[in-house]
C-alpha atoms as a PDB file:
ATOM      1  CA  MET A   1      -9.958  31.529 -61.260  1.00  0.00           C
ATOM      2  CA  THR A   2      -6.277  30.903 -61.061  1.00  0.00           C
ATOM      3  CA  ASP A   3      -3.803  29.296 -63.486  1.00  0.00           C
ATOM      4  CA  SER A   4      -1.945  26.221 -62.560  1.00  0.00           C
ATOM      5  CA  PRO A   5       1.763  25.727 -63.551  1.00  0.00           C
ATOM      6  CA  THR A   6       0.585  23.802 -66.522  1.00  0.00           C
ATOM      7  CA  GLY A   7      -1.679  26.589 -67.750  1.00  0.00           C
ATOM      8  CA  ALA A   8      -5.005  24.782 -66.999  1.00  0.00           C
ATOM      9  CA  ALA A   9      -7.661  26.683 -65.149  1.00  0.00           C
ATOM     10  CA  ARG A  10      -8.601  25.622 -61.559  1.00  0.00           C
ATOM     11  CA  ALA A  11     -11.715  26.527 -59.718  1.00  0.00           C
ATOM     12  CA  PRO A  12     -11.206  28.350 -56.274  1.00  0.00           C
ATOM     13  CA  ASP A  13     -11.622  26.304 -53.199  1.00  0.00           C
ATOM     14  CA  HIS A  14     -14.654  27.427 -51.357  1.00  0.00           C
ATOM     15  CA  ARG A  15     -14.556  24.842 -48.565  1.00  0.00           C
ATOM     16  CA  PRO A  16     -14.755  26.485 -45.060  1.00  0.00           C
ATOM     17  CA  ALA A  17     -11.624  26.472 -43.069  1.00  0.00           C
ATOM     18  CA  ARG A  18     -11.741  24.250 -39.922  1.00  0.00           C
ATOM     19  CA  SER A  19     -12.063  26.334 -36.740  1.00  0.00           C
ATOM     20  CA  ARG A  20     -12.874  25.621 -33.180  1.00  0.00           C
ATOM     21  CA  PRO A  21     -16.522  25.788 -32.358  1.00  0.00           C
ATOM     22  CA  ARG A  22     -17.519  28.880 -30.430  1.00  0.00           C
ATOM     23  CA  LEU A  23     -20.379  29.087 -27.989  1.00  0.00           C
ATOM     24  CA  SER A  24     -22.663  32.093 -28.162  1.00  0.00           C
ATOM     25  CA  ALA A  25     -23.364  34.207 -25.106  1.00  0.00           C
ATOM     26  CA  GLY A  26     -26.991  32.536 -24.870  1.00  0.00           C
ATOM     27  CA  GLY A  27     -25.351  29.065 -25.185  1.00  0.00           C
ATOM     28  CA  GLY A  28     -22.784  29.727 -22.532  1.00  0.00           C
ATOM     29  CA  THR A  29     -25.628  30.998 -20.071  1.00  0.00           C
ATOM     30  CA  ARG A  30     -27.567  27.813 -20.678  1.00  0.00           C
ATOM     31  CA  HIS A  31     -24.633  25.584 -20.037  1.00  0.00           C
ATOM     32  CA  LEU A  32     -23.940  27.465 -16.694  1.00  0.00           C
ATOM     33  CA  LEU A  33     -27.580  26.998 -15.766  1.00  0.00           C
ATOM     34  CA  LEU A  34     -27.151  23.265 -16.388  1.00  0.00           C
ATOM     35  CA  LEU A  35     -24.111  23.179 -14.002  1.00  0.00           C
ATOM     36  CA  ALA A  36     -25.848  25.099 -11.284  1.00  0.00           C
ATOM     37  CA  PRO A  37     -27.543  22.300  -9.359  1.00  0.00           C
ATOM     38  CA  ALA A  38     -24.290  20.306  -9.273  1.00  0.00           C
ATOM     39  CA  LEU A  39     -22.236  23.321  -8.281  1.00  0.00           C
ATOM     40  CA  LEU A  40     -24.767  24.334  -5.532  1.00  0.00           C
ATOM     41  CA  THR A  41     -24.709  20.782  -4.197  1.00  0.00           C
ATOM     42  CA  LEU A  42     -20.950  20.787  -4.015  1.00  0.00           C
ATOM     43  CA  LEU A  43     -20.872  24.252  -2.355  1.00  0.00           C
ATOM     44  CA  VAL A  44     -23.561  23.312   0.381  1.00  0.00           C
ATOM     45  CA  PHE A  45     -22.558  19.773   1.108  1.00  0.00           C
ATOM     46  CA  PHE A  46     -18.802  19.720   0.476  1.00  0.00           C
ATOM     47  CA  ALA A  47     -17.278  23.103   0.273  1.00  0.00           C
ATOM     48  CA  TYR A  48     -19.034  24.622   3.285  1.00  0.00           C
ATOM     49  CA  PRO A  49     -18.286  21.700   5.699  1.00  0.00           C
ATOM     50  CA  LEU A  50     -14.809  21.482   4.507  1.00  0.00           C
ATOM     51  CA  ALA A  51     -14.154  25.254   5.137  1.00  0.00           C
ATOM     52  CA  ASP A  52     -15.813  24.884   8.605  1.00  0.00           C
ATOM     53  CA  ILE A  53     -13.336  22.068   9.455  1.00  0.00           C
ATOM     54  CA  VAL A  54     -10.435  24.288   8.442  1.00  0.00           C
ATOM     55  CA  ARG A  55     -11.801  27.109  10.385  1.00  0.00           C
ATOM     56  CA  GLN A  56     -11.959  24.873  13.533  1.00  0.00           C
ATOM     57  CA  ALA A  57      -8.548  23.641  13.022  1.00  0.00           C
ATOM     58  CA  PHE A  58      -7.084  27.143  13.131  1.00  0.00           C
ATOM     59  CA  THR A  59      -9.513  28.662  15.659  1.00  0.00           C
ATOM     60  CA  GLU A  60     -10.366  26.201  18.368  1.00  0.00           C
ATOM     61  CA  PRO A  61      -9.864  26.347  21.260  1.00  0.00           C
ATOM     62  CA  GLU A  62      -7.882  29.475  20.405  1.00  0.00           C
ATOM     63  CA  PRO A  63      -6.716  31.055  17.190  1.00  0.00           C
ATOM     64  CA  GLY A  64      -3.373  29.984  15.875  1.00  0.00           C
ATOM     65  CA  LEU A  65      -1.356  27.006  14.788  1.00  0.00           C
ATOM     66  CA  GLY A  66      -1.545  25.374  18.312  1.00  0.00           C
ATOM     67  CA  ASN A  67      -3.441  22.303  17.079  1.00  0.00           C
ATOM     68  CA  PHE A  68      -0.912  21.605  14.395  1.00  0.00           C
ATOM     69  CA  ARG A  69       2.063  22.051  16.738  1.00  0.00           C
ATOM     70  CA  GLU A  70       0.492  19.580  19.057  1.00  0.00           C
ATOM     71  CA  LEU A  71      -0.076  17.063  16.442  1.00  0.00           C
ATOM     72  CA  LEU A  72       3.526  17.310  15.114  1.00  0.00           C
ATOM     73  CA  ASP A  73       4.974  17.139  18.699  1.00  0.00           C
ATOM     74  CA  ASP A  74       2.924  13.986  19.527  1.00  0.00           C
ATOM     75  CA  PRO A  75       4.781  10.689  18.305  1.00  0.00           C
ATOM     76  CA  THR A  76       1.465   8.956  18.215  1.00  0.00           C
ATOM     77  CA  THR A  77       0.544  11.139  15.142  1.00  0.00           C
ATOM     78  CA  VAL A  78       3.688  10.025  13.349  1.00  0.00           C
ATOM     79  CA  ARG A  79       2.939   6.396  14.110  1.00  0.00           C
ATOM     80  CA  VAL A  80      -0.771   6.653  13.011  1.00  0.00           C
ATOM     81  CA  LEU A  81       0.138   8.484   9.811  1.00  0.00           C
ATOM     82  CA  SER A  82       2.958   6.088   9.041  1.00  0.00           C
ATOM     83  CA  ARG A  83       0.535   3.092   9.664  1.00  0.00           C
ATOM     84  CA  THR A  84      -2.231   4.654   7.449  1.00  0.00           C
ATOM     85  CA  LEU A  85       0.098   5.391   4.605  1.00  0.00           C
ATOM     86  CA  LEU A  86       1.745   1.946   4.736  1.00  0.00           C
ATOM     87  CA  THR A  87      -1.596   0.193   4.965  1.00  0.00           C
ATOM     88  CA  SER A  88      -3.045   2.195   1.972  1.00  0.00           C
ATOM     89  CA  LEU A  89       0.189   1.475   0.045  1.00  0.00           C
ATOM     90  CA  VAL A  90      -0.139  -2.266   0.732  1.00  0.00           C
ATOM     91  CA  VAL A  91      -3.778  -2.286  -0.228  1.00  0.00           C
ATOM     92  CA  ALA A  92      -3.126  -0.475  -3.477  1.00  0.00           C
ATOM     93  CA  ALA A  93      -0.394  -2.864  -4.451  1.00  0.00           C
ATOM     94  CA  THR A  94      -2.299  -5.943  -3.538  1.00  0.00           C
ATOM     95  CA  THR A  95      -5.438  -4.787  -5.351  1.00  0.00           C
ATOM     96  CA  LEU A  96      -3.175  -4.059  -8.495  1.00  0.00           C
ATOM     97  CA  LEU A  97      -1.753  -7.561  -8.517  1.00  0.00           C
ATOM     98  CA  LEU A  98      -5.185  -9.111  -8.254  1.00  0.00           C
ATOM     99  CA  ALA A  99      -6.895  -6.705 -10.718  1.00  0.00           C
ATOM    100  CA  TYR A 100      -4.394  -6.598 -13.483  1.00  0.00           C
ATOM    101  CA  PRO A 101      -4.730 -10.103 -14.708  1.00  0.00           C
ATOM    102  CA  TYR A 102      -8.507 -10.049 -14.040  1.00  0.00           C
ATOM    103  CA  ALA A 103      -9.010  -6.855 -16.210  1.00  0.00           C
ATOM    104  CA  TYR A 104      -6.824  -8.438 -18.825  1.00  0.00           C
ATOM    105  CA  LEU A 105      -8.974 -11.517 -18.789  1.00  0.00           C
ATOM    106  CA  MET A 106     -12.078  -9.368 -19.406  1.00  0.00           C
ATOM    107  CA  THR A 107     -10.508  -8.081 -22.545  1.00  0.00           C
ATOM    108  CA  VAL A 108      -9.830 -11.400 -24.189  1.00  0.00           C
ATOM    109  CA  THR A 109     -12.868 -13.395 -23.361  1.00  0.00           C
ATOM    110  CA  GLY A 110     -16.192 -13.384 -25.102  1.00  0.00           C
ATOM    111  CA  PRO A 111     -19.187 -11.265 -24.493  1.00  0.00           C
ATOM    112  CA  LYS A 112     -21.065 -13.631 -22.112  1.00  0.00           C
ATOM    113  CA  THR A 113     -17.887 -14.523 -20.106  1.00  0.00           C
ATOM    114  CA  ARG A 114     -17.101 -10.727 -19.906  1.00  0.00           C
ATOM    115  CA  ALA A 115     -20.632 -10.082 -18.593  1.00  0.00           C
ATOM    116  CA  VAL A 116     -20.135 -12.708 -15.859  1.00  0.00           C
ATOM    117  CA  LEU A 117     -16.764 -11.232 -14.912  1.00  0.00           C
ATOM    118  CA  MET A 118     -18.130  -7.728 -14.816  1.00  0.00           C
ATOM    119  CA  ALA A 119     -21.000  -8.867 -12.592  1.00  0.00           C
ATOM    120  CA  LEU A 120     -18.590 -10.382 -10.150  1.00  0.00           C
ATOM    121  CA  VAL A 121     -16.679  -7.151  -9.987  1.00  0.00           C
ATOM    122  CA  LEU A 122     -19.911  -5.130  -9.322  1.00  0.00           C
ATOM    123  CA  LEU A 123     -21.211  -7.659  -6.825  1.00  0.00           C
ATOM    124  CA  PRO A 124     -19.649  -5.922  -3.843  1.00  0.00           C
ATOM    125  CA  PHE A 125     -21.565  -2.677  -4.643  1.00  0.00           C
ATOM    126  CA  TRP A 126     -24.684  -4.693  -4.305  1.00  0.00           C
ATOM    127  CA  THR A 127     -23.925  -5.751  -0.784  1.00  0.00           C
ATOM    128  CA  SER A 128     -23.971  -3.854   2.403  1.00  0.00           C
ATOM    129  CA  LEU A 129     -20.635  -2.713   3.618  1.00  0.00           C
ATOM    130  CA  MET A 130     -21.672  -3.744   7.206  1.00  0.00           C
ATOM    131  CA  ALA A 131     -22.678  -7.219   6.080  1.00  0.00           C
ATOM    132  CA  ARG A 132     -19.354  -7.651   4.302  1.00  0.00           C
ATOM    133  CA  ASN A 133     -17.457  -6.500   7.354  1.00  0.00           C
ATOM    134  CA  PHE A 134     -19.314  -8.844   9.682  1.00  0.00           C
ATOM    135  CA  ALA A 135     -18.668 -11.749   7.207  1.00  0.00           C
ATOM    136  CA  TRP A 136     -14.860 -10.966   7.346  1.00  0.00           C
ATOM    137  CA  ILE A 137     -15.181 -10.939  11.229  1.00  0.00           C
ATOM    138  CA  VAL A 138     -16.459 -14.519  11.059  1.00  0.00           C
ATOM    139  CA  LEU A 139     -13.700 -15.461   8.694  1.00  0.00           C
ATOM    140  CA  LEU A 140     -10.870 -13.772  10.534  1.00  0.00           C
ATOM    141  CA  GLN A 141     -11.731 -14.448  14.165  1.00  0.00           C
ATOM    142  CA  ASP A 142      -9.867 -17.048  16.314  1.00  0.00           C
ATOM    143  CA  GLY A 143     -10.956 -20.568  15.362  1.00  0.00           C
ATOM    144  CA  GLY A 144     -12.433 -19.309  12.069  1.00  0.00           C
ATOM    145  CA  PRO A 145     -11.772 -20.692   8.691  1.00  0.00           C
ATOM    146  CA  LEU A 146      -8.612 -18.619   8.143  1.00  0.00           C
ATOM    147  CA  GLY A 147      -7.413 -19.469  11.677  1.00  0.00           C
ATOM    148  CA  MET A 148      -7.874 -23.182  10.971  1.00  0.00           C
ATOM    149  CA  LEU A 149      -5.876 -22.767   7.722  1.00  0.00           C
ATOM    150  CA  GLY A 150      -3.201 -20.822   9.690  1.00  0.00           C
ATOM    151  CA  SER A 151      -2.937 -23.757  12.266  1.00  0.00           C
ATOM    152  CA  LEU A 152      -1.461 -25.725   9.376  1.00  0.00           C
ATOM    153  CA  PHE A 153       1.469 -23.274   9.496  1.00  0.00           C
ATOM    154  CA  GLY A 154       1.893 -23.282  13.315  1.00  0.00           C
ATOM    155  CA  ARG A 155      -0.448 -20.331  14.302  1.00  0.00           C
ATOM    156  CA  ASP A 156      -2.442 -22.465  16.736  1.00  0.00           C
ATOM    157  CA  GLY A 157      -5.809 -21.442  15.241  1.00  0.00           C
ATOM    158  CA  ARG A 158      -5.363 -17.750  15.825  1.00  0.00           C
ATOM    159  CA  GLY A 159      -7.128 -15.650  13.302  1.00  0.00           C
ATOM    160  CA  LEU A 160      -6.168 -12.191  11.784  1.00  0.00           C
ATOM    161  CA  LEU A 161      -8.920 -10.370  13.446  1.00  0.00           C
ATOM    162  CA  GLY A 162      -7.563  -7.193  15.355  1.00  0.00           C
ATOM    163  CA  THR A 163      -4.410  -7.206  13.084  1.00  0.00           C
ATOM    164  CA  ALA A 164      -3.091  -4.976  10.405  1.00  0.00           C
ATOM    165  CA  PRO A 165      -3.165  -7.892   7.831  1.00  0.00           C
ATOM    166  CA  GLY A 166      -6.752  -8.542   8.750  1.00  0.00           C
ATOM    167  CA  VAL A 167      -7.638  -4.880   8.065  1.00  0.00           C
ATOM    168  CA  ALA A 168      -5.773  -4.946   4.789  1.00  0.00           C
ATOM    169  CA  ILE A 169      -7.607  -8.074   3.626  1.00  0.00           C
ATOM    170  CA  GLY A 170     -10.965  -6.501   4.244  1.00  0.00           C
ATOM    171  CA  MET A 171      -9.945  -3.280   2.528  1.00  0.00           C
ATOM    172  CA  VAL A 172      -8.757  -5.094  -0.371  1.00  0.00           C
ATOM    173  CA  GLN A 173     -12.040  -6.849  -0.908  1.00  0.00           C
ATOM    174  CA  VAL A 174     -13.947  -3.626  -0.679  1.00  0.00           C
ATOM    175  CA  LEU A 175     -11.583  -1.554  -3.022  1.00  0.00           C
ATOM    176  CA  LEU A 176     -10.897  -4.217  -5.621  1.00  0.00           C
ATOM    177  CA  PRO A 177     -13.610  -2.934  -8.170  1.00  0.00           C
ATOM    178  CA  TYR A 178     -12.070   0.587  -7.990  1.00  0.00           C
ATOM    179  CA  MET A 179      -8.978  -0.913  -9.487  1.00  0.00           C
ATOM    180  CA  VAL A 180     -10.502  -3.353 -11.871  1.00  0.00           C
ATOM    181  CA  LEU A 181     -12.758  -0.804 -13.656  1.00  0.00           C
ATOM    182  CA  PRO A 182     -10.127   1.751 -14.654  1.00  0.00           C
ATOM    183  CA  LEU A 183      -7.773  -0.869 -15.840  1.00  0.00           C
ATOM    184  CA  TYR A 184     -10.487  -2.586 -17.980  1.00  0.00           C
ATOM    185  CA  ALA A 185     -11.370   0.864 -19.392  1.00  0.00           C
ATOM    186  CA  VAL A 186      -7.836   1.392 -20.580  1.00  0.00           C
ATOM    187  CA  MET A 187      -6.973  -2.294 -21.648  1.00  0.00           C
ATOM    188  CA  SER A 188     -10.212  -2.494 -23.752  1.00  0.00           C
ATOM    189  CA  GLY A 189      -8.828   0.363 -25.881  1.00  0.00           C
ATOM    190  CA  ILE A 190      -5.389  -1.051 -26.618  1.00  0.00           C
ATOM    191  CA  ASP A 191      -4.990  -1.992 -30.248  1.00  0.00           C
ATOM    192  CA  ARG A 192      -3.990  -5.586 -30.205  1.00  0.00           C
ATOM    193  CA  ARG A 193      -2.592  -5.350 -33.636  1.00  0.00           C
ATOM    194  CA  LEU A 194       0.476  -3.822 -31.951  1.00  0.00           C
ATOM    195  CA  LEU A 195       1.005  -6.959 -30.000  1.00  0.00           C
ATOM    196  CA  SER A 196       0.581  -9.077 -33.166  1.00  0.00           C
ATOM    197  CA  ALA A 197       3.203  -6.998 -35.089  1.00  0.00           C
ATOM    198  CA  ALA A 198       5.683  -7.092 -32.219  1.00  0.00           C
ATOM    199  CA  SER A 199       5.301 -10.960 -32.167  1.00  0.00           C
ATOM    200  CA  GLY A 200       5.574 -11.114 -35.872  1.00  0.00           C
ATOM    201  CA  LEU A 201       8.945  -9.238 -35.641  1.00  0.00           C
ATOM    202  CA  GLY A 202      10.322 -11.965 -33.302  1.00  0.00           C
ATOM    203  CA  ALA A 203       9.681 -10.544 -29.796  1.00  0.00           C
ATOM    204  CA  GLY A 204       8.760 -12.943 -27.184  1.00  0.00           C
ATOM    205  CA  ARG A 205       5.736 -12.774 -24.953  1.00  0.00           C
ATOM    206  CA  PHE A 206       7.482 -11.228 -21.982  1.00  0.00           C
ATOM    207  CA  THR A 207       9.161  -8.609 -24.313  1.00  0.00           C
ATOM    208  CA  VAL A 208       5.839  -7.804 -25.907  1.00  0.00           C
ATOM    209  CA  PHE A 209       4.179  -7.394 -22.460  1.00  0.00           C
ATOM    210  CA  ARG A 210       7.033  -5.235 -21.095  1.00  0.00           C
ATOM    211  CA  ARG A 211       7.736  -3.003 -24.013  1.00  0.00           C
ATOM    212  CA  ILE A 212       4.144  -2.695 -25.674  1.00  0.00           C
ATOM    213  CA  TYR A 213       1.331  -3.734 -23.370  1.00  0.00           C
ATOM    214  CA  LEU A 214       2.477  -2.451 -19.971  1.00  0.00           C
ATOM    215  CA  PRO A 215       3.333   1.016 -21.151  1.00  0.00           C
ATOM    216  CA  LEU A 216      -0.156   1.314 -22.892  1.00  0.00           C
ATOM    217  CA  SER A 217      -1.914   0.146 -19.771  1.00  0.00           C
ATOM    218  CA  MET A 218      -0.018   2.452 -17.437  1.00  0.00           C
ATOM    219  CA  PRO A 219      -2.826   5.104 -17.533  1.00  0.00           C
ATOM    220  CA  GLY A 220      -5.173   2.540 -15.963  1.00  0.00           C
ATOM    221  CA  VAL A 221      -2.587   1.474 -13.476  1.00  0.00           C
ATOM    222  CA  VAL A 222      -1.949   5.069 -12.369  1.00  0.00           C
ATOM    223  CA  ALA A 223      -5.613   5.898 -12.203  1.00  0.00           C
ATOM    224  CA  GLY A 224      -6.687   2.822 -10.284  1.00  0.00           C
ATOM    225  CA  SER A 225      -3.743   2.911  -7.820  1.00  0.00           C
ATOM    226  CA  THR A 226      -4.408   6.564  -7.116  1.00  0.00           C
ATOM    227  CA  LEU A 227      -7.948   5.927  -6.576  1.00  0.00           C
ATOM    228  CA  VAL A 228      -7.628   2.979  -4.303  1.00  0.00           C
ATOM    229  CA  PHE A 229      -4.773   4.664  -2.232  1.00  0.00           C
ATOM    230  CA  VAL A 230      -6.717   7.861  -1.724  1.00  0.00           C
ATOM    231  CA  LEU A 231      -9.991   5.963  -0.669  1.00  0.00           C
ATOM    232  CA  ALA A 232      -7.932   3.833   1.659  1.00  0.00           C
ATOM    233  CA  LEU A 233      -6.446   6.801   3.426  1.00  0.00           C
ATOM    234  CA  GLY A 234      -9.956   7.762   4.777  1.00  0.00           C
ATOM    235  CA  PHE A 235     -11.296   4.332   5.519  1.00  0.00           C
ATOM    236  CA  TYR A 236     -13.166   4.107   8.777  1.00  0.00           C
ATOM    237  CA  ILE A 237     -15.704   1.357   9.160  1.00  0.00           C
ATOM    238  CA  THR A 238     -13.588  -1.417   8.006  1.00  0.00           C
ATOM    239  CA  PRO A 239     -10.380  -0.648  10.064  1.00  0.00           C
ATOM    240  CA  LYS A 240     -12.813  -0.034  13.122  1.00  0.00           C
ATOM    241  CA  LEU A 241     -14.609  -3.444  12.830  1.00  0.00           C
ATOM    242  CA  LEU A 242     -11.597  -5.507  11.716  1.00  0.00           C
ATOM    243  CA  GLY A 243      -8.786  -3.857  13.577  1.00  0.00           C
ATOM    244  CA  SER A 244      -7.952  -2.837  17.168  1.00  0.00           C
ATOM    245  CA  PRO A 245      -7.137   0.354  18.990  1.00  0.00           C
ATOM    246  CA  LYS A 246      -3.544  -0.409  18.764  1.00  0.00           C
ATOM    247  CA  GLU A 247      -3.757  -0.560  14.948  1.00  0.00           C
ATOM    248  CA  SER A 248      -5.772   2.494  14.527  1.00  0.00           C
ATOM    249  CA  MET A 249      -5.698   4.648  11.442  1.00  0.00           C
ATOM    250  CA  VAL A 250      -6.242   8.336  10.934  1.00  0.00           C
ATOM    251  CA  ALA A 251      -9.959   8.240  10.468  1.00  0.00           C
ATOM    252  CA  GLN A 252     -10.370   6.277  13.731  1.00  0.00           C
ATOM    253  CA  VAL A 253      -8.227   8.868  15.622  1.00  0.00           C
ATOM    254  CA  ILE A 254     -10.276  11.604  14.159  1.00  0.00           C
ATOM    255  CA  GLY A 255     -13.421   9.772  15.271  1.00  0.00           C
ATOM    256  CA  VAL A 256     -12.078   9.425  18.801  1.00  0.00           C
ATOM    257  CA  LYS A 257     -11.213  13.118  18.998  1.00  0.00           C
ATOM    258  CA  VAL A 258     -14.729  14.271  17.863  1.00  0.00           C
ATOM    259  CA  GLU A 259     -16.931  11.597  19.666  1.00  0.00           C
ATOM    260  CA  LYS A 260     -15.037  11.029  23.018  1.00  0.00           C
ATOM    261  CA  LEU A 261     -12.597  13.887  23.507  1.00  0.00           C
ATOM    262  CA  LEU A 262     -14.757  16.506  21.947  1.00  0.00           C
ATOM    263  CA  ASP A 263     -11.510  17.982  20.527  1.00  0.00           C
ATOM    264  CA  PHE A 264     -12.896  19.484  17.408  1.00  0.00           C
ATOM    265  CA  GLY A 265      -9.751  21.665  16.703  1.00  0.00           C
ATOM    266  CA  GLY A 266      -7.406  18.709  16.981  1.00  0.00           C
ATOM    267  CA  ALA A 267      -9.780  16.631  14.776  1.00  0.00           C
ATOM    268  CA  GLY A 268      -9.912  19.460  12.262  1.00  0.00           C
ATOM    269  CA  ALA A 269      -6.114  19.795  12.209  1.00  0.00           C
ATOM    270  CA  PHE A 270      -5.677  16.092  11.638  1.00  0.00           C
ATOM    271  CA  SER A 271      -8.196  16.235   8.838  1.00  0.00           C
ATOM    272  CA  VAL A 272      -6.455  19.138   7.216  1.00  0.00           C
ATOM    273  CA  LEU A 273      -3.084  17.409   7.486  1.00  0.00           C
ATOM    274  CA  LEU A 274      -4.665  14.328   5.815  1.00  0.00           C
ATOM    275  CA  LEU A 275      -6.124  16.429   3.120  1.00  0.00           C
ATOM    276  CA  ALA A 276      -2.824  18.140   2.452  1.00  0.00           C
ATOM    277  CA  ILE A 277      -1.151  14.836   2.056  1.00  0.00           C
ATOM    278  CA  THR A 278      -3.789  13.607  -0.417  1.00  0.00           C
ATOM    279  CA  ALA A 279      -3.487  16.816  -2.384  1.00  0.00           C
ATOM    280  CA  LEU A 280       0.207  16.480  -2.555  1.00  0.00           C
ATOM    281  CA  LEU A 281      -0.051  12.988  -3.734  1.00  0.00           C
ATOM    282  CA  LEU A 282      -2.504  13.962  -6.480  1.00  0.00           C
ATOM    283  CA  ALA A 283      -0.360  16.838  -7.520  1.00  0.00           C
ATOM    284  CA  VAL A 284       2.744  14.410  -7.858  1.00  0.00           C
ATOM    285  CA  VAL A 285       0.743  11.795  -9.863  1.00  0.00           C
ATOM    286  CA  ALA A 286      -0.618  14.502 -12.195  1.00  0.00           C
ATOM    287  CA  ARG A 287       2.947  15.893 -12.744  1.00  0.00           C
ATOM    288  CA  VAL A 288       4.261  12.483 -13.452  1.00  0.00           C
ATOM    289  CA  GLY A 289       1.424  11.730 -15.677  1.00  0.00           C
ATOM    290  CA  ARG A 290       2.043  14.902 -17.686  1.00  0.00           C
ATOM    291  CA  ALA A 291       5.753  14.116 -18.005  1.00  0.00           C
ATOM    292  CA  GLY A 292       4.998  10.629 -19.258  1.00  0.00           C
ATOM    293  CA  ALA A 293       2.529  11.765 -21.917  1.00  0.00           C
ATOM    294  CA  ALA A 294       5.116  12.772 -24.441  1.00  0.00           C
ATOM    295  CA  PRO A 295       3.844  12.523 -28.023  1.00  0.00           C
ATOM    296  CA  GLY A 296       6.496   9.930 -29.013  1.00  0.00           C
ATOM    297  CA  LEU A 297       5.523   7.400 -26.382  1.00  0.00           C
ATOM    298  CA  PRO A 298       3.442   4.508 -27.077  1.00  0.00           C
ATOM    299  CA  GLY A 299      -0.255   5.286 -26.507  1.00  0.00           C
ATOM    300  CA  GLY A 300       0.217   8.918 -27.388  1.00  0.00           C
ATOM    301  CA  GLY A 301      -1.225   8.460 -30.807  1.00  0.00           C
ATOM    302  CA  ALA A 302      -4.231   6.565 -32.246  1.00  0.00           C
ATOM    303  CA  ALA A 303      -2.260   3.346 -31.992  1.00  0.00           C
ATOM    304  CA  GLY A 304      -2.496   3.364 -28.276  1.00  0.00           C
ATOM    305  CA  ARG A 305      -6.193   4.161 -28.388  1.00  0.00           C
ATOM    306  CA  GLY A 306      -7.103   1.593 -30.991  1.00  0.00           C
ATOM    307  CA  GLY A 307      -7.673   4.109 -33.679  1.00  0.00           C
ATOM    308  CA  PRO A 308      -8.490   3.227 -37.147  1.00  0.00           C
ATOM    309  CA  PRO A 309      -5.932   2.927 -39.706  1.00  0.00           C
ATOM    310  CA  ASP A 310      -5.717   5.397 -42.681  1.00  0.00           C
ATOM    311  CA  GLY A 311      -5.930   4.673 -46.283  1.00  0.00           C
ATOM    312  CA  ASN A 312      -2.105   3.458 -46.456  1.00  0.00           C
ATOM    313  CA  GLY A 313      -2.835   0.841 -43.936  1.00  0.00           C
ATOM    314  CA  LYS A 314      -1.045   2.720 -41.189  1.00  0.00           C
ATOM    315  CA  ASP A 315      -2.358   3.912 -37.864  1.00  0.00           C
ATOM    316  CA  GLY A 316      -3.205   7.616 -38.206  1.00  0.00           C
END
């Protein structure tokens, strides 16, 4: 027992101190056994083929950096890479412009309407990719619906099949769910009391969106844009069916090197180059994300996550 400053006796505090839970040796072994099937699958079906591609890039037809020098000396490589990066950037920006208001609408509607909107988002996953691409061929071909619509603007009924815009349209339709779902996951956790408080303090709708809602939704924007951009870099079927040899992307060139030229070393070098670009992009995004996740920014505390208020009516 201890004496308080006023002389009254106070019972000792026997509450255990908070500590981080620690796994026993047996518990850690069980967790590793649970991870074993997934790790084994990744090693056999991903790590080993990737390592073999890297090996071929540096060893075939002869050891060294000859495949990479040949790629960098070829002006076609620069054009194909530039076209792939530009198309992926356009697709990511277009899907963001389409998905942002759609995801916002999902957060403000009722449960039944939200279920319908979610079903529409997931509908492409229930349809064969080949069926969707052949449907776009019908829509984009000369004399098709889009060609007839373009005739109103002086295109003489010519469609977009075999062009870069046609490829981008098909890719946007395929990749749109990958943008909507991350945005909805973040937007649904935004505490809307912050928006009401800003409006009550005299901020206009645009100011509330620019200063409050947009910063809080940026994790979804970054995640969705990165996912769509990376997936678009390696697209093969859609550009092959909707595009043309003159508008080839990286995956198509790699396919030609493997299937027709039997240039496995050159295809591996191109694959390694694309992998390096993707890894560099992810590293930059991760670094920017860490730099923007300062404790004082909106969304860094419970307010940005929709956390419950404490006993004083303030967000804890």
